[in-house]
């Protein structure tokens, strides 16, 4: 997985669909998430912290994540940026 900020000089390698799941981590850790429909978002960050964001707007969520929980997540249309 590339490190660093997303930018024209350091673009994403791919984008993958994300299905929130309480059991499994993402198949590929993501540098950021693209949210189609805003709402609550519960994740495990790349640093291993379980965080719930109560009101994430649609658009780019610039936090690296390795898991998106189904429980407590109401945001929809989530795409992982890798």
PDB file of N, CA and C in Angstrom:
ATOM      1  N   UNK A   1       0.833  -1.176   0.000  1.00  0.00           N
ATOM      2  CA  UNK A   1       0.000   0.000   0.000  1.00  0.00           C
ATOM      3  C   UNK A   1       0.878   1.239   0.000  1.00  0.00           C
ATOM      4  N   UNK A   2       0.640   2.174  -0.891  1.00  0.00           N
ATOM      5  CA  UNK A   2       1.423   3.405  -0.903  1.00  0.00           C
ATOM      6  C   UNK A   2       1.165   4.205   0.364  1.00  0.00           C
ATOM      7  N   UNK A   3       2.140   4.964   0.762  1.00  0.00           N
ATOM      8  CA  UNK A   3       1.947   5.800   1.939  1.00  0.00           C
ATOM      9  C   UNK A   3       1.897   7.254   1.515  1.00  0.00           C
ATOM     10  N   UNK A   4       1.478   8.090   2.408  1.00  0.00           N
ATOM     11  CA  UNK A   4       1.462   9.516   2.136  1.00  0.00           C
ATOM     12  C   UNK A   4       0.102  10.004   1.703  1.00  0.00           C
ATOM     13  N   UNK A   5       0.047  11.309   1.498  1.00  0.00           N
ATOM     14  CA  UNK A   5      -1.200  11.959   1.131  1.00  0.00           C
ATOM     15  C   UNK A   5      -1.533  11.716  -0.330  1.00  0.00           C
ATOM     16  N   UNK A   6      -2.831  11.690  -0.620  1.00  0.00           N
ATOM     17  CA  UNK A   6      -3.272  11.629  -2.001  1.00  0.00           C
ATOM     18  C   UNK A   6      -3.055  12.995  -2.633  1.00  0.00           C
ATOM     19  N   UNK A   7      -2.494  13.006  -3.813  1.00  0.00           N
ATOM     20  CA  UNK A   7      -2.250  14.253  -4.540  1.00  0.00           C
ATOM     21  C   UNK A   7      -2.022  13.898  -5.997  1.00  0.00           C
ATOM     22  N   UNK A   8      -1.984  14.875  -6.891  1.00  0.00           N
ATOM     23  CA  UNK A   8      -1.681  14.570  -8.291  1.00  0.00           C
ATOM     24  C   UNK A   8      -0.321  13.877  -8.455  1.00  0.00           C
ATOM     25  N   UNK A   9       0.618  14.185  -7.581  1.00  0.00           N
ATOM     26  CA  UNK A   9       1.934  13.544  -7.653  1.00  0.00           C
ATOM     27  C   UNK A   9       1.953  12.183  -6.969  1.00  0.00           C
ATOM     28  N   UNK A  10       0.937  11.882  -6.157  1.00  0.00           N
ATOM     29  CA  UNK A  10       0.866  10.624  -5.412  1.00  0.00           C
ATOM     30  C   UNK A  10      -0.576  10.106  -5.461  1.00  0.00           C
ATOM     31  N   UNK A  11      -1.045   9.736  -6.669  1.00  0.00           N
ATOM     32  CA  UNK A  11      -2.449   9.323  -6.812  1.00  0.00           C
ATOM     33  C   UNK A  11      -2.701   7.940  -6.224  1.00  0.00           C
ATOM     34  N   UNK A  12      -3.966   7.619  -6.062  1.00  0.00           N
ATOM     35  CA  UNK A  12      -4.365   6.291  -5.612  1.00  0.00           C
ATOM     36  C   UNK A  12      -4.004   5.259  -6.676  1.00  0.00           C
ATOM     37  N   UNK A  13      -3.731   4.040  -6.227  1.00  0.00           N
ATOM     38  CA  UNK A  13      -3.465   2.944  -7.154  1.00  0.00           C
ATOM     39  C   UNK A  13      -4.742   2.305  -7.664  1.00  0.00           C
ATOM     40  N   UNK A  14      -5.803   2.343  -6.840  1.00  0.00           N
ATOM     41  CA  UNK A  14      -7.044   1.672  -7.203  1.00  0.00           C
ATOM     42  C   UNK A  14      -8.153   2.170  -6.288  1.00  0.00           C
ATOM     43  N   UNK A  15      -9.369   1.794  -6.612  1.00  0.00           N
ATOM     44  CA  UNK A  15     -10.537   2.055  -5.778  1.00  0.00           C
ATOM     45  C   UNK A  15     -11.333   0.760  -5.703  1.00  0.00           C
ATOM     46  N   UNK A  16     -11.737   0.383  -4.487  1.00  0.00           N
ATOM     47  CA  UNK A  16     -12.435  -0.890  -4.298  1.00  0.00           C
ATOM     48  C   UNK A  16     -13.754  -0.660  -3.557  1.00  0.00           C
ATOM     49  N   UNK A  17     -14.787  -1.429  -3.907  1.00  0.00           N
ATOM     50  CA  UNK A  17     -16.048  -1.302  -3.165  1.00  0.00           C
ATOM     51  C   UNK A  17     -15.851  -1.789  -1.734  1.00  0.00           C
ATOM     52  N   UNK A  18     -16.504  -1.131  -0.800  1.00  0.00           N
ATOM     53  CA  UNK A  18     -16.416  -1.511   0.606  1.00  0.00           C
ATOM     54  C   UNK A  18     -17.805  -1.897   1.095  1.00  0.00           C
ATOM     55  N   UNK A  19     -17.920  -3.105   1.621  1.00  0.00           N
ATOM     56  CA  UNK A  19     -19.145  -3.557   2.261  1.00  0.00           C
ATOM     57  C   UNK A  19     -18.884  -3.598   3.759  1.00  0.00           C
ATOM     58  N   UNK A  20     -19.540  -2.744   4.533  1.00  0.00           N
ATOM     59  CA  UNK A  20     -19.323  -2.772   5.977  1.00  0.00           C
ATOM     60  C   UNK A  20     -19.566  -4.170   6.548  1.00  0.00           C
ATOM     61  N   UNK A  21     -18.698  -4.590   7.469  1.00  0.00           N
ATOM     62  CA  UNK A  21     -18.722  -5.950   8.000  1.00  0.00           C
ATOM     63  C   UNK A  21     -18.173  -5.919   9.425  1.00  0.00           C
ATOM     64  N   UNK A  22     -18.928  -6.449  10.365  1.00  0.00           N
ATOM     65  CA  UNK A  22     -18.471  -6.471  11.754  1.00  0.00           C
ATOM     66  C   UNK A  22     -17.400  -7.525  12.006  1.00  0.00           C
ATOM     67  N   UNK A  23     -17.310  -8.540  11.145  1.00  0.00           N
ATOM     68  CA  UNK A  23     -16.381  -9.636  11.394  1.00  0.00           C
ATOM     69  C   UNK A  23     -15.022  -9.501  10.734  1.00  0.00           C
ATOM     70  N   UNK A  24     -15.015  -9.120   9.482  1.00  0.00           N
ATOM     71  CA  UNK A  24     -13.766  -9.160   8.715  1.00  0.00           C
ATOM     72  C   UNK A  24     -13.193  -7.778   8.467  1.00  0.00           C
ATOM     73  N   UNK A  25     -11.858  -7.717   8.460  1.00  0.00           N
ATOM     74  CA  UNK A  25     -11.166  -6.508   8.029  1.00  0.00           C
ATOM     75  C   UNK A  25     -11.324  -6.372   6.517  1.00  0.00           C
ATOM     76  N   UNK A  26     -11.028  -5.204   5.984  1.00  0.00           N
ATOM     77  CA  UNK A  26     -11.037  -5.014   4.540  1.00  0.00           C
ATOM     78  C   UNK A  26      -9.988  -5.909   3.894  1.00  0.00           C
ATOM     79  N   UNK A  27     -10.236  -6.363   2.691  1.00  0.00           N
ATOM     80  CA  UNK A  27      -9.265  -7.216   1.996  1.00  0.00           C
ATOM     81  C   UNK A  27      -7.972  -6.457   1.722  1.00  0.00           C
ATOM     82  N   UNK A  28      -8.086  -5.147   1.539  1.00  0.00           N
ATOM     83  CA  UNK A  28      -6.933  -4.268   1.332  1.00  0.00           C
ATOM     84  C   UNK A  28      -7.121  -3.033   2.193  1.00  0.00           C
ATOM     85  N   UNK A  29      -6.173  -2.688   3.064  1.00  0.00           N
ATOM     86  CA  UNK A  29      -6.301  -1.443   3.825  1.00  0.00           C
ATOM     87  C   UNK A  29      -6.410  -0.253   2.870  1.00  0.00           C
ATOM     88  N   UNK A  30      -7.175   0.741   3.267  1.00  0.00           N
ATOM     89  CA  UNK A  30      -7.454   1.881   2.395  1.00  0.00           C
ATOM     90  C   UNK A  30      -6.828   3.158   2.931  1.00  0.00           C
ATOM     91  N   UNK A  31      -6.296   3.955   2.035  1.00  0.00           N
ATOM     92  CA  UNK A  31      -5.694   5.245   2.386  1.00  0.00           C
ATOM     93  C   UNK A  31      -6.746   6.290   2.715  1.00  0.00           C
ATOM     94  N   UNK A  32      -7.933   6.119   2.162  1.00  0.00           N
ATOM     95  CA  UNK A  32      -9.048   7.041   2.369  1.00  0.00           C
ATOM     96  C   UNK A  32     -10.315   6.320   1.919  1.00  0.00           C
ATOM     97  N   UNK A  33     -11.461   6.908   2.228  1.00  0.00           N
ATOM     98  CA  UNK A  33     -12.741   6.385   1.761  1.00  0.00           C
ATOM     99  C   UNK A  33     -13.459   7.471   0.982  1.00  0.00           C
ATOM    100  N   UNK A  34     -14.210   7.054  -0.023  1.00  0.00           N
ATOM    101  CA  UNK A  34     -15.090   7.955  -0.753  1.00  0.00           C
ATOM    102  C   UNK A  34     -16.506   7.576  -0.336  1.00  0.00           C
ATOM    103  N   UNK A  35     -17.249   8.533   0.196  1.00  0.00           N
ATOM    104  CA  UNK A  35     -18.588   8.293   0.740  1.00  0.00           C
ATOM    105  C   UNK A  35     -19.616   8.916  -0.201  1.00  0.00           C
ATOM    106  N   UNK A  36     -20.534   8.079  -0.737  1.00  0.00           N
ATOM    107  CA  UNK A  36     -21.568   8.593  -1.642  1.00  0.00           C
ATOM    108  C   UNK A  36     -22.706   9.255  -0.868  1.00  0.00           C
ATOM    109  N   UNK A  37     -23.129   8.611   0.219  1.00  0.00           N
ATOM    110  CA  UNK A  37     -24.216   9.136   1.042  1.00  0.00           C
ATOM    111  C   UNK A  37     -23.715   9.267   2.466  1.00  0.00           C
ATOM    112  N   UNK A  38     -23.676  10.480   2.958  1.00  0.00           N
ATOM    113  CA  UNK A  38     -23.146  10.730   4.296  1.00  0.00           C
ATOM    114  C   UNK A  38     -23.972  10.086   5.390  1.00  0.00           C
ATOM    115  N   UNK A  39     -23.347   9.947   6.559  1.00  0.00           N
ATOM    116  CA  UNK A  39     -24.002   9.362   7.724  1.00  0.00           C
ATOM    117  C   UNK A  39     -22.953   9.000   8.751  1.00  0.00           C
ATOM    118  N   UNK A  40     -23.329   8.176   9.698  1.00  0.00           N
ATOM    119  CA  UNK A  40     -22.384   7.719  10.718  1.00  0.00           C
ATOM    120  C   UNK A  40     -21.430   6.694  10.116  1.00  0.00           C
ATOM    121  N   UNK A  41     -20.203   6.677  10.634  1.00  0.00           N
ATOM    122  CA  UNK A  41     -19.182   5.764  10.121  1.00  0.00           C
ATOM    123  C   UNK A  41     -18.349   5.249  11.285  1.00  0.00           C
ATOM    124  N   UNK A  42     -18.314   3.917  11.437  1.00  0.00           N
ATOM    125  CA  UNK A  42     -17.478   3.296  12.465  1.00  0.00           C
ATOM    126  C   UNK A  42     -16.389   2.499  11.772  1.00  0.00           C
ATOM    127  N   UNK A  43     -15.136   2.763  12.147  1.00  0.00           N
ATOM    128  CA  UNK A  43     -13.988   2.145  11.484  1.00  0.00           C
ATOM    129  C   UNK A  43     -12.932   1.732  12.503  1.00  0.00           C
ATOM    130  N   UNK A  44     -12.003   0.887  12.048  1.00  0.00           N
ATOM    131  CA  UNK A  44     -10.724   0.682  12.714  1.00  0.00           C
ATOM    132  C   UNK A  44      -9.711   1.412  11.847  1.00  0.00           C
ATOM    133  N   UNK A  45      -9.030   2.383  12.436  1.00  0.00           N
ATOM    134  CA  UNK A  45      -8.052   3.166  11.679  1.00  0.00           C
ATOM    135  C   UNK A  45      -6.794   2.347  11.432  1.00  0.00           C
ATOM    136  N   UNK A  46      -5.926   2.862  10.588  1.00  0.00           N
ATOM    137  CA  UNK A  46      -4.664   2.175  10.309  1.00  0.00           C
ATOM    138  C   UNK A  46      -3.816   2.024  11.572  1.00  0.00           C
ATOM    139  N   UNK A  47      -4.017   2.890  12.551  1.00  0.00           N
ATOM    140  CA  UNK A  47      -3.264   2.779  13.801  1.00  0.00           C
ATOM    141  C   UNK A  47      -3.937   1.835  14.795  1.00  0.00           C
ATOM    142  N   UNK A  48      -5.048   1.193  14.391  1.00  0.00           N
ATOM    143  CA  UNK A  48      -5.697   0.187  15.224  1.00  0.00           C
ATOM    144  C   UNK A  48      -6.733   0.711  16.195  1.00  0.00           C
ATOM    145  N   UNK A  49      -7.164   1.947  16.024  1.00  0.00           N
ATOM    146  CA  UNK A  49      -8.127   2.552  16.940  1.00  0.00           C
ATOM    147  C   UNK A  49      -9.548   2.408  16.385  1.00  0.00           C
ATOM    148  N   UNK A  50     -10.471   1.959  17.247  1.00  0.00           N
ATOM    149  CA  UNK A  50     -11.889   1.856  16.904  1.00  0.00           C
ATOM    150  C   UNK A  50     -12.504   3.235  17.102  1.00  0.00           C
ATOM    151  N   UNK A  51     -12.971   3.844  16.006  1.00  0.00           N
ATOM    152  CA  UNK A  51     -13.542   5.192  16.085  1.00  0.00           C
ATOM    153  C   UNK A  51     -14.910   5.226  15.406  1.00  0.00           C
ATOM    154  N   UNK A  52     -15.809   5.995  16.005  1.00  0.00           N
ATOM    155  CA  UNK A  52     -17.111   6.250  15.395  1.00  0.00           C
ATOM    156  C   UNK A  52     -17.220   7.736  15.110  1.00  0.00           C
ATOM    157  N   UNK A  53     -17.484   8.052  13.847  1.00  0.00           N
ATOM    158  CA  UNK A  53     -17.683   9.430  13.406  1.00  0.00           C
ATOM    159  C   UNK A  53     -19.190   9.588  13.182  1.00  0.00           C
ATOM    160  N   UNK A  54     -19.881  10.394  13.991  1.00  0.00           N
ATOM    161  CA  UNK A  54     -21.343  10.410  13.952  1.00  0.00           C
ATOM    162  C   UNK A  54     -21.967  11.073  12.724  1.00  0.00           C
ATOM    163  N   UNK A  55     -21.232  11.925  12.033  1.00  0.00           N
ATOM    164  CA  UNK A  55     -21.838  12.649  10.918  1.00  0.00           C
ATOM    165  C   UNK A  55     -20.805  12.949   9.837  1.00  0.00           C
ATOM    166  N   UNK A  56     -20.494  11.931   9.043  1.00  0.00           N
ATOM    167  CA  UNK A  56     -19.532  12.091   7.947  1.00  0.00           C
ATOM    168  C   UNK A  56     -20.289  12.559   6.704  1.00  0.00           C
ATOM    169  N   UNK A  57     -19.888  13.656   6.099  1.00  0.00           N
ATOM    170  CA  UNK A  57     -20.578  14.110   4.885  1.00  0.00           C
ATOM    171  C   UNK A  57     -20.173  13.268   3.669  1.00  0.00           C
ATOM    172  N   UNK A  58     -20.946  13.363   2.609  1.00  0.00           N
ATOM    173  CA  UNK A  58     -20.538  12.692   1.378  1.00  0.00           C
ATOM    174  C   UNK A  58     -19.258  13.357   0.880  1.00  0.00           C
ATOM    175  N   UNK A  59     -18.429  12.564   0.200  1.00  0.00           N
ATOM    176  CA  UNK A  59     -17.163  13.070  -0.302  1.00  0.00           C
ATOM    177  C   UNK A  59     -15.997  12.248   0.215  1.00  0.00           C
ATOM    178  N   UNK A  60     -14.820  12.821   0.169  1.00  0.00           N
ATOM    179  CA  UNK A  60     -13.599  12.116   0.575  1.00  0.00           C
ATOM    180  C   UNK A  60     -13.439  12.149   2.086  1.00  0.00           C
ATOM    181  N   UNK A  61     -13.218  10.977   2.677  1.00  0.00           N
ATOM    182  CA  UNK A  61     -12.937  10.827   4.110  1.00  0.00           C
ATOM    183  C   UNK A  61     -11.460  10.464   4.207  1.00  0.00           C
ATOM    184  N   UNK A  62     -10.598  11.426   4.507  1.00  0.00           N
ATOM    185  CA  UNK A  62      -9.151  11.233   4.372  1.00  0.00           C
ATOM    186  C   UNK A  62      -8.470  10.593   5.581  1.00  0.00           C
ATOM    187  N   UNK A  63      -9.017   9.455   6.029  1.00  0.00           N
ATOM    188  CA  UNK A  63      -8.426   8.707   7.143  1.00  0.00           C
ATOM    189  C   UNK A  63      -8.171   7.289   6.652  1.00  0.00           C
ATOM    190  N   UNK A  64      -6.958   6.779   6.881  1.00  0.00           N
ATOM    191  CA  UNK A  64      -6.641   5.407   6.506  1.00  0.00           C
ATOM    192  C   UNK A  64      -7.387   4.433   7.402  1.00  0.00           C
ATOM    193  N   UNK A  65      -8.020   3.428   6.806  1.00  0.00           N
ATOM    194  CA  UNK A  65      -8.801   2.465   7.581  1.00  0.00           C
ATOM    195  C   UNK A  65      -8.484   1.041   7.147  1.00  0.00           C
ATOM    196  N   UNK A  66      -8.645   0.128   8.095  1.00  0.00           N
ATOM    197  CA  UNK A  66      -8.480  -1.289   7.767  1.00  0.00           C
ATOM    198  C   UNK A  66      -9.750  -2.093   7.997  1.00  0.00           C
ATOM    199  N   UNK A  67     -10.786  -1.437   8.594  1.00  0.00           N
ATOM    200  CA  UNK A  67     -12.072  -2.110   8.792  1.00  0.00           C
ATOM    201  C   UNK A  67     -13.176  -1.066   8.831  1.00  0.00           C
ATOM    202  N   UNK A  68     -14.314  -1.403   8.221  1.00  0.00           N
ATOM    203  CA  UNK A  68     -15.523  -0.590   8.306  1.00  0.00           C
ATOM    204  C   UNK A  68     -16.607  -1.494   8.883  1.00  0.00           C
ATOM    205  N   UNK A  69     -17.114  -1.117  10.041  1.00  0.00           N
ATOM    206  CA  UNK A  69     -18.134  -1.909  10.719  1.00  0.00           C
ATOM    207  C   UNK A  69     -19.516  -1.684  10.110  1.00  0.00           C
ATOM    208  N   UNK A  70     -20.345  -2.733  10.114  1.00  0.00           N
ATOM    209  CA  UNK A  70     -21.746  -2.583   9.727  1.00  0.00           C
ATOM    210  C   UNK A  70     -22.516  -1.924  10.873  1.00  0.00           C
ATOM    211  N   UNK A  71     -22.227  -2.377  12.105  1.00  0.00           N
ATOM    212  CA  UNK A  71     -22.868  -1.792  13.279  1.00  0.00           C
ATOM    213  C   UNK A  71     -22.394  -0.356  13.447  1.00  0.00           C
ATOM    214  N   UNK A  72     -23.313   0.544  13.627  1.00  0.00           N
ATOM    215  CA  UNK A  72     -23.061   1.974  13.836  1.00  0.00           C
ATOM    216  C   UNK A  72     -22.694   2.725  12.559  1.00  0.00           C
ATOM    217  N   UNK A  73     -22.710   2.066  11.398  1.00  0.00           N
ATOM    218  CA  UNK A  73     -22.431   2.759  10.123  1.00  0.00           C
ATOM    219  C   UNK A  73     -23.737   2.931   9.364  1.00  0.00           C
ATOM    220  N   UNK A  74     -24.062   4.201   9.075  1.00  0.00           N
ATOM    221  CA  UNK A  74     -25.243   4.496   8.255  1.00  0.00           C
ATOM    222  C   UNK A  74     -24.834   5.137   6.923  1.00  0.00           C
ATOM    223  N   UNK A  75     -23.576   5.556   6.803  1.00  0.00           N
ATOM    224  CA  UNK A  75     -23.077   6.075   5.521  1.00  0.00           C
ATOM    225  C   UNK A  75     -23.189   4.958   4.482  1.00  0.00           C
ATOM    226  N   UNK A  76     -23.382   5.320   3.230  1.00  0.00           N
ATOM    227  CA  UNK A  76     -23.582   4.310   2.190  1.00  0.00           C
ATOM    228  C   UNK A  76     -22.802   4.673   0.933  1.00  0.00           C
ATOM    229  N   UNK A  77     -22.689   3.672   0.046  1.00  0.00           N
ATOM    230  CA  UNK A  77     -21.949   3.882  -1.192  1.00  0.00           C
ATOM    231  C   UNK A  77     -20.491   4.142  -0.906  1.00  0.00           C
ATOM    232  N   UNK A  78     -19.882   3.294  -0.089  1.00  0.00           N
ATOM    233  CA  UNK A  78     -18.507   3.503   0.356  1.00  0.00           C
ATOM    234  C   UNK A  78     -17.519   2.820  -0.609  1.00  0.00           C
ATOM    235  N   UNK A  79     -16.534   3.580  -1.014  1.00  0.00           N
ATOM    236  CA  UNK A  79     -15.478   3.081  -1.907  1.00  0.00           C
ATOM    237  C   UNK A  79     -14.146   3.321  -1.205  1.00  0.00           C
ATOM    238  N   UNK A  80     -13.295   2.297  -1.163  1.00  0.00           N
ATOM    239  CA  UNK A  80     -11.981   2.428  -0.563  1.00  0.00           C
ATOM    240  C   UNK A  80     -10.958   2.894  -1.577  1.00  0.00           C
ATOM    241  N   UNK A  81     -10.166   3.875  -1.195  1.00  0.00           N
ATOM    242  CA  UNK A  81      -9.088   4.387  -2.044  1.00  0.00           C
ATOM    243  C   UNK A  81      -7.791   3.741  -1.579  1.00  0.00           C
ATOM    244  N   UNK A  82      -7.146   3.002  -2.479  1.00  0.00           N
ATOM    245  CA  UNK A  82      -5.912   2.278  -2.105  1.00  0.00           C
ATOM    246  C   UNK A  82      -4.731   2.742  -2.934  1.00  0.00           C
TER     247      UNK A  82
END
